Amino acid sequence: METSAKKSLRSFYWTWVILTAVGVGLSLWLPRRYMPAAMSNDAHLTMTTMILFSICAAPVASGVYAGALHVLRHHRYRGDGVPPPAPQIRESTKLLTSWITASAILTVFVLVWGLGALAAENGSSSSNPLVVNVTGQQWVWTFSYPGTHVVSDELYLPENREVEFRVTSLDVTHGFWLVNMGVQVDANPDVITTIHTTPDKLGVFEVRCEQFCGLNHAFMDAVGYVVTPQKFSSWLSAQPARA
């Protein structure tokens, strides 16, 4: 007959398997359901990283939850007085070896993935990016396109062309955040910071401030559009000159 210890271990194992399956399913579904729609190479990389890291974390988190449920079910003390000492597992060679090995593998994986993602971003720079000057002030964004007369409170970008944003502020620190592009950088007074991305999907996206910048911070947003290169050229030509 199966011993009580084996039954207990089997119960823990299947609890861990079921919770891991649920965790993997949620890792695949939740980011695509609740994260902003990806409209650039950076956003796609962010989405992939979120899903992959969540999948890797699912077995670890499930092991913790399964262990807690296992202890509550099988080792809860129901007697009177002080409970007897519980079995000590901290000296278990198998447990320590398994934990250290799994932790090392996950750490190395995260490091390699992060270095690869960083190299991919740094290696994708174009020799002819579209430059957009971004200016933040309480509580609006202003976008200008060097080499043209265009200054706008709406951001237009051509599809499949790298964009270099040169970001600054006229008053306090703001946070230039392209929600659907997966990029963000601070807008600091008297300093120009740069950030790059390549829009790869036509549509409308959000521009927000993610640094608390005063009373109307919540309303400091703008609308952005990714359009075809032809429509972008037509839009530039149609804009009136400003003083």
Protein backbone atom coordinates (compact mmCIF):
# COMPACT_ATOMS: atom_id res chain seq x y z
CA MET A 1 0.00 0.00 0.00
CA GLU A 2 1.06 3.57 -0.60
CA THR A 3 2.52 5.20 2.47
CA SER A 4 1.21 8.44 3.94
CA ALA A 5 4.44 10.24 3.01
CA LYS A 6 4.14 9.20 -0.64
CA LYS A 7 0.51 10.29 -0.79
CA SER A 8 1.48 13.64 0.71
CA LEU A 9 4.31 14.09 -1.80
CA ARG A 10 2.08 13.14 -4.72
CA SER A 11 -0.52 15.66 -3.55
CA PHE A 12 2.14 18.37 -3.42
CA TYR A 13 3.41 17.45 -6.89
CA TRP A 14 0.02 17.63 -8.59
CA THR A 15 -0.85 20.86 -6.82
CA TRP A 16 2.41 22.33 -8.13
CA VAL A 17 1.72 21.07 -11.67
CA ILE A 18 -1.81 22.50 -11.73
CA LEU A 19 -0.74 25.87 -10.34
CA THR A 20 2.15 26.03 -12.82
CA ALA A 21 -0.23 25.36 -15.72
CA VAL A 22 -2.54 28.12 -14.48
CA GLY A 23 0.43 30.48 -14.09
CA VAL A 24 1.70 29.80 -17.60
CA GLY A 25 -1.78 30.34 -19.03
CA LEU A 26 -2.14 33.66 -17.22
CA SER A 27 1.37 34.66 -18.35
CA LEU A 28 0.34 34.16 -21.97
CA TRP A 29 -3.05 35.86 -21.66
CA LEU A 30 -2.78 38.76 -19.20
CA PRO A 31 -0.03 40.84 -20.89
CA ARG A 32 -1.75 40.74 -24.28
CA ARG A 33 -5.08 41.52 -22.65
CA TYR A 34 -4.07 44.41 -20.38
CA MET A 35 -0.81 45.88 -21.72
CA PRO A 36 -1.11 48.66 -24.35
CA ALA A 37 -1.16 47.51 -27.97
CA ALA A 38 2.42 47.29 -29.27
CA MET A 39 3.20 49.73 -32.09
CA SER A 40 7.00 49.65 -32.22
CA ASN A 41 10.00 47.33 -32.06
CA ASP A 42 10.61 48.35 -28.43
CA ALA A 43 7.03 47.62 -27.40
CA HIS A 44 7.14 44.18 -29.04
CA LEU A 45 10.37 43.40 -27.17
CA THR A 46 8.83 44.61 -23.90
CA MET A 47 5.76 42.42 -24.44
CA THR A 48 7.87 39.37 -25.29
CA THR A 49 10.09 39.91 -22.25
CA MET A 50 7.08 40.30 -19.94
CA ILE A 51 5.50 37.07 -21.21
CA LEU A 52 8.73 35.07 -21.14
CA PHE A 53 9.78 36.18 -17.65
CA SER A 54 6.29 35.51 -16.32
CA ILE A 55 6.37 31.98 -17.75
CA CYS A 56 9.77 31.39 -16.14
CA ALA A 57 8.50 32.68 -12.80
CA ALA A 58 5.33 30.56 -12.86
CA PRO A 59 6.95 27.29 -11.65
CA VAL A 60 8.79 29.11 -8.86
CA ALA A 61 5.72 30.98 -7.62
CA SER A 62 3.63 27.81 -7.94
CA GLY A 63 6.16 25.91 -5.84
CA VAL A 64 5.80 28.48 -3.05
CA TYR A 65 2.00 28.40 -3.19
CA ALA A 66 1.90 24.60 -3.43
CA GLY A 67 4.22 24.34 -0.43
CA ALA A 68 2.04 26.66 1.62
CA LEU A 69 -1.11 24.73 0.73
CA HIS A 70 0.65 21.42 1.42
CA VAL A 71 1.70 22.53 4.89
CA LEU A 72 -1.77 23.88 5.72
CA ARG A 73 -3.38 20.64 4.62
CA HIS A 74 -1.01 18.00 5.96
CA HIS A 75 0.99 19.56 8.79
CA ARG A 76 -1.49 21.81 10.57
CA TYR A 77 -1.44 21.20 14.31
CA ARG A 78 -4.88 20.55 15.80
CA GLY A 79 -3.93 19.48 19.32
CA ASP A 80 -3.71 21.35 22.59
CA GLY A 81 -0.64 22.95 24.03
CA VAL A 82 2.67 23.58 22.29
CA PRO A 83 3.01 21.72 18.97
CA PRO A 84 5.89 19.27 18.63
CA PRO A 85 8.93 20.30 16.55
CA ALA A 86 8.34 20.07 12.80
CA PRO A 87 10.61 17.99 10.55
CA GLN A 88 13.72 20.01 9.64
CA ILE A 89 14.42 20.30 5.93
CA ARG A 90 17.02 23.05 5.90
CA GLU A 91 19.82 20.47 5.97
CA SER A 92 18.41 18.47 3.06
CA THR A 93 21.12 18.15 0.42
CA LYS A 94 18.62 17.37 -2.35
CA LEU A 95 16.48 20.38 -1.52
CA LEU A 96 19.42 22.78 -1.30
CA THR A 97 20.97 21.47 -4.51
CA SER A 98 17.70 21.73 -6.41
CA TRP A 99 17.00 25.26 -5.15
CA ILE A 100 20.50 26.58 -5.91
CA THR A 101 20.55 24.94 -9.36
CA ALA A 102 17.14 26.31 -10.35
CA SER A 103 18.02 29.79 -9.06
CA ALA A 104 21.33 29.78 -10.95
CA ILE A 105 19.69 28.70 -14.21
CA LEU A 106 17.00 31.39 -13.95
CA THR A 107 19.54 34.09 -13.05
CA VAL A 108 21.82 33.23 -15.97
CA PHE A 109 18.83 33.13 -18.34
CA VAL A 110 17.63 36.58 -17.23
CA LEU A 111 21.17 37.98 -17.60
CA VAL A 112 21.68 36.54 -21.09
CA TRP A 113 18.25 37.68 -22.26
CA GLY A 114 18.80 41.19 -20.89
CA LEU A 115 22.20 41.54 -22.55
CA GLY A 116 20.77 40.24 -25.83
CA ALA A 117 17.84 42.67 -25.71
CA LEU A 118 20.20 45.56 -24.92
CA ALA A 119 22.47 44.60 -27.83
CA ALA A 120 19.47 44.36 -30.16
CA GLU A 121 18.31 47.87 -29.22
CA ASN A 122 21.77 49.42 -29.53
CA GLY A 123 22.43 47.70 -32.83
CA SER A 124 19.28 48.88 -34.59
CA SER A 125 20.18 52.57 -35.02
CA SER A 126 19.49 54.05 -38.43
CA SER A 127 21.86 56.36 -40.28
CA ASN A 128 18.95 58.63 -41.22
CA PRO A 129 16.45 58.82 -38.35
CA LEU A 130 13.60 61.27 -38.26
CA VAL A 131 14.44 63.85 -35.57
CA VAL A 132 11.61 65.22 -33.45
CA ASN A 133 12.19 67.90 -30.82
CA VAL A 134 9.92 67.39 -27.80
CA THR A 135 9.29 70.16 -25.28
CA GLY A 136 7.34 69.67 -22.08
CA GLN A 137 5.88 72.44 -19.98
CA GLN A 138 3.03 72.70 -17.51
CA TRP A 139 0.92 71.05 -18.85
CA VAL A 140 1.33 70.48 -22.58
CA TRP A 141 3.66 68.76 -25.03
CA THR A 142 5.00 70.54 -28.10
CA PHE A 143 6.59 68.72 -31.06
CA SER A 144 8.77 70.30 -33.72
CA TYR A 145 10.49 68.80 -36.74
CA PRO A 146 13.98 70.23 -37.47
CA GLY A 147 14.45 71.31 -41.06
CA THR A 148 10.79 72.25 -41.39
CA HIS A 149 8.55 75.01 -40.08
CA VAL A 150 6.25 72.55 -38.34
CA VAL A 151 5.42 72.95 -34.64
CA SER A 152 2.47 70.91 -33.40
CA ASP A 153 0.68 69.75 -30.25
CA GLU A 154 0.03 66.41 -31.99
CA LEU A 155 2.76 63.92 -32.80
CA TYR A 156 2.87 62.45 -36.29
CA LEU A 157 5.33 59.67 -37.14
CA PRO A 158 5.96 57.75 -40.37
CA GLU A 159 5.66 53.98 -40.31
CA ASN A 160 8.83 51.85 -40.37
CA ARG A 161 11.28 54.72 -39.96
CA GLU A 162 13.43 55.14 -36.88
CA VAL A 163 12.64 58.26 -34.86
CA GLU A 164 15.07 60.11 -32.60
CA PHE A 165 13.32 62.18 -29.95
CA ARG A 166 15.28 65.06 -28.42
CA VAL A 167 13.46 65.84 -25.21
CA THR A 168 13.64 68.85 -22.88
CA SER A 169 11.48 70.94 -20.54
CA LEU A 170 10.78 74.63 -20.05
CA ASP A 171 9.93 74.49 -16.34
CA VAL A 172 9.94 71.35 -14.17
CA THR A 173 10.83 67.71 -14.79
CA HIS A 174 8.28 65.87 -16.91
CA GLY A 175 8.22 62.26 -18.11
CA PHE A 176 7.91 61.79 -21.87
CA TRP A 177 6.13 58.44 -22.23
CA LEU A 178 5.00 56.96 -25.53
CA VAL A 179 2.60 54.39 -24.11
CA ASN A 180 2.20 52.17 -27.18
CA MET A 181 5.85 52.50 -28.21
CA GLY A 182 7.29 51.08 -25.01
CA VAL A 183 9.75 53.96 -24.48
CA GLN A 184 10.05 56.66 -21.83
CA VAL A 185 12.60 59.31 -20.86
CA ASP A 186 12.61 62.26 -18.46
CA ALA A 187 12.23 65.79 -19.82
CA ASN A 188 14.57 67.94 -17.72
CA PRO A 189 14.93 71.75 -17.78
CA ASP A 190 17.93 73.02 -19.78
CA VAL A 191 18.96 69.46 -20.71
CA ILE A 192 18.32 67.53 -23.94
CA THR A 193 17.94 63.77 -23.62
CA THR A 194 17.46 61.44 -26.57
CA ILE A 195 15.53 58.25 -27.10
CA HIS A 196 14.88 56.14 -30.20
CA THR A 197 12.12 53.90 -31.48
CA THR A 198 10.76 52.62 -34.78
CA PRO A 199 6.97 52.66 -35.23
CA ASP A 200 5.82 49.56 -37.12
CA LYS A 201 2.03 49.70 -36.94
CA LEU A 202 -0.40 52.28 -38.31
CA GLY A 203 -2.80 53.82 -35.83
CA VAL A 204 -3.32 56.19 -32.92
CA PHE A 205 -1.20 56.12 -29.75
CA GLU A 206 -0.96 58.01 -26.47
CA VAL A 207 1.66 60.42 -25.20
CA ARG A 208 1.62 60.94 -21.45
CA CYS A 209 3.61 62.55 -18.67
CA GLU A 210 4.65 59.97 -16.08
CA GLN A 211 6.44 62.33 -13.67
CA PHE A 212 4.27 64.24 -11.20
CA CYS A 213 4.68 67.79 -12.44
CA GLY A 214 2.06 69.83 -10.66
CA LEU A 215 -1.66 70.41 -10.29
CA ASN A 216 -2.77 69.34 -13.79
CA HIS A 217 -0.26 66.53 -14.27
CA ALA A 218 -3.04 64.01 -14.98
CA PHE A 219 -4.17 66.06 -17.98
CA MET A 220 -0.74 66.40 -19.59
CA ASP A 221 -1.24 64.11 -22.54
CA ALA A 222 -1.24 64.29 -26.30
CA VAL A 223 -2.37 62.25 -29.26
CA GLY A 224 0.07 60.59 -31.63
CA TYR A 225 -0.45 59.07 -35.07
CA VAL A 226 1.59 56.54 -37.03
CA VAL A 227 0.87 57.11 -40.72
CA THR A 228 2.33 56.01 -44.02
CA PRO A 229 5.42 57.91 -45.24
CA GLN A 230 3.31 59.50 -47.99
CA LYS A 231 0.69 60.76 -45.54
CA PHE A 232 3.43 62.01 -43.22
CA SER A 233 4.99 64.08 -46.02
CA SER A 234 1.56 65.44 -46.94
CA TRP A 235 0.87 66.36 -43.31
CA LEU A 236 4.18 68.23 -43.01
CA SER A 237 3.47 70.18 -46.19
CA ALA A 238 -0.04 71.11 -45.05
CA GLN A 239 0.99 72.61 -41.70
CA PRO A 240 0.90 76.41 -41.47
CA ALA A 241 4.02 78.33 -40.53
CA ARG A 242 4.20 79.54 -36.95
CA ALA A 243 6.04 82.48 -35.47
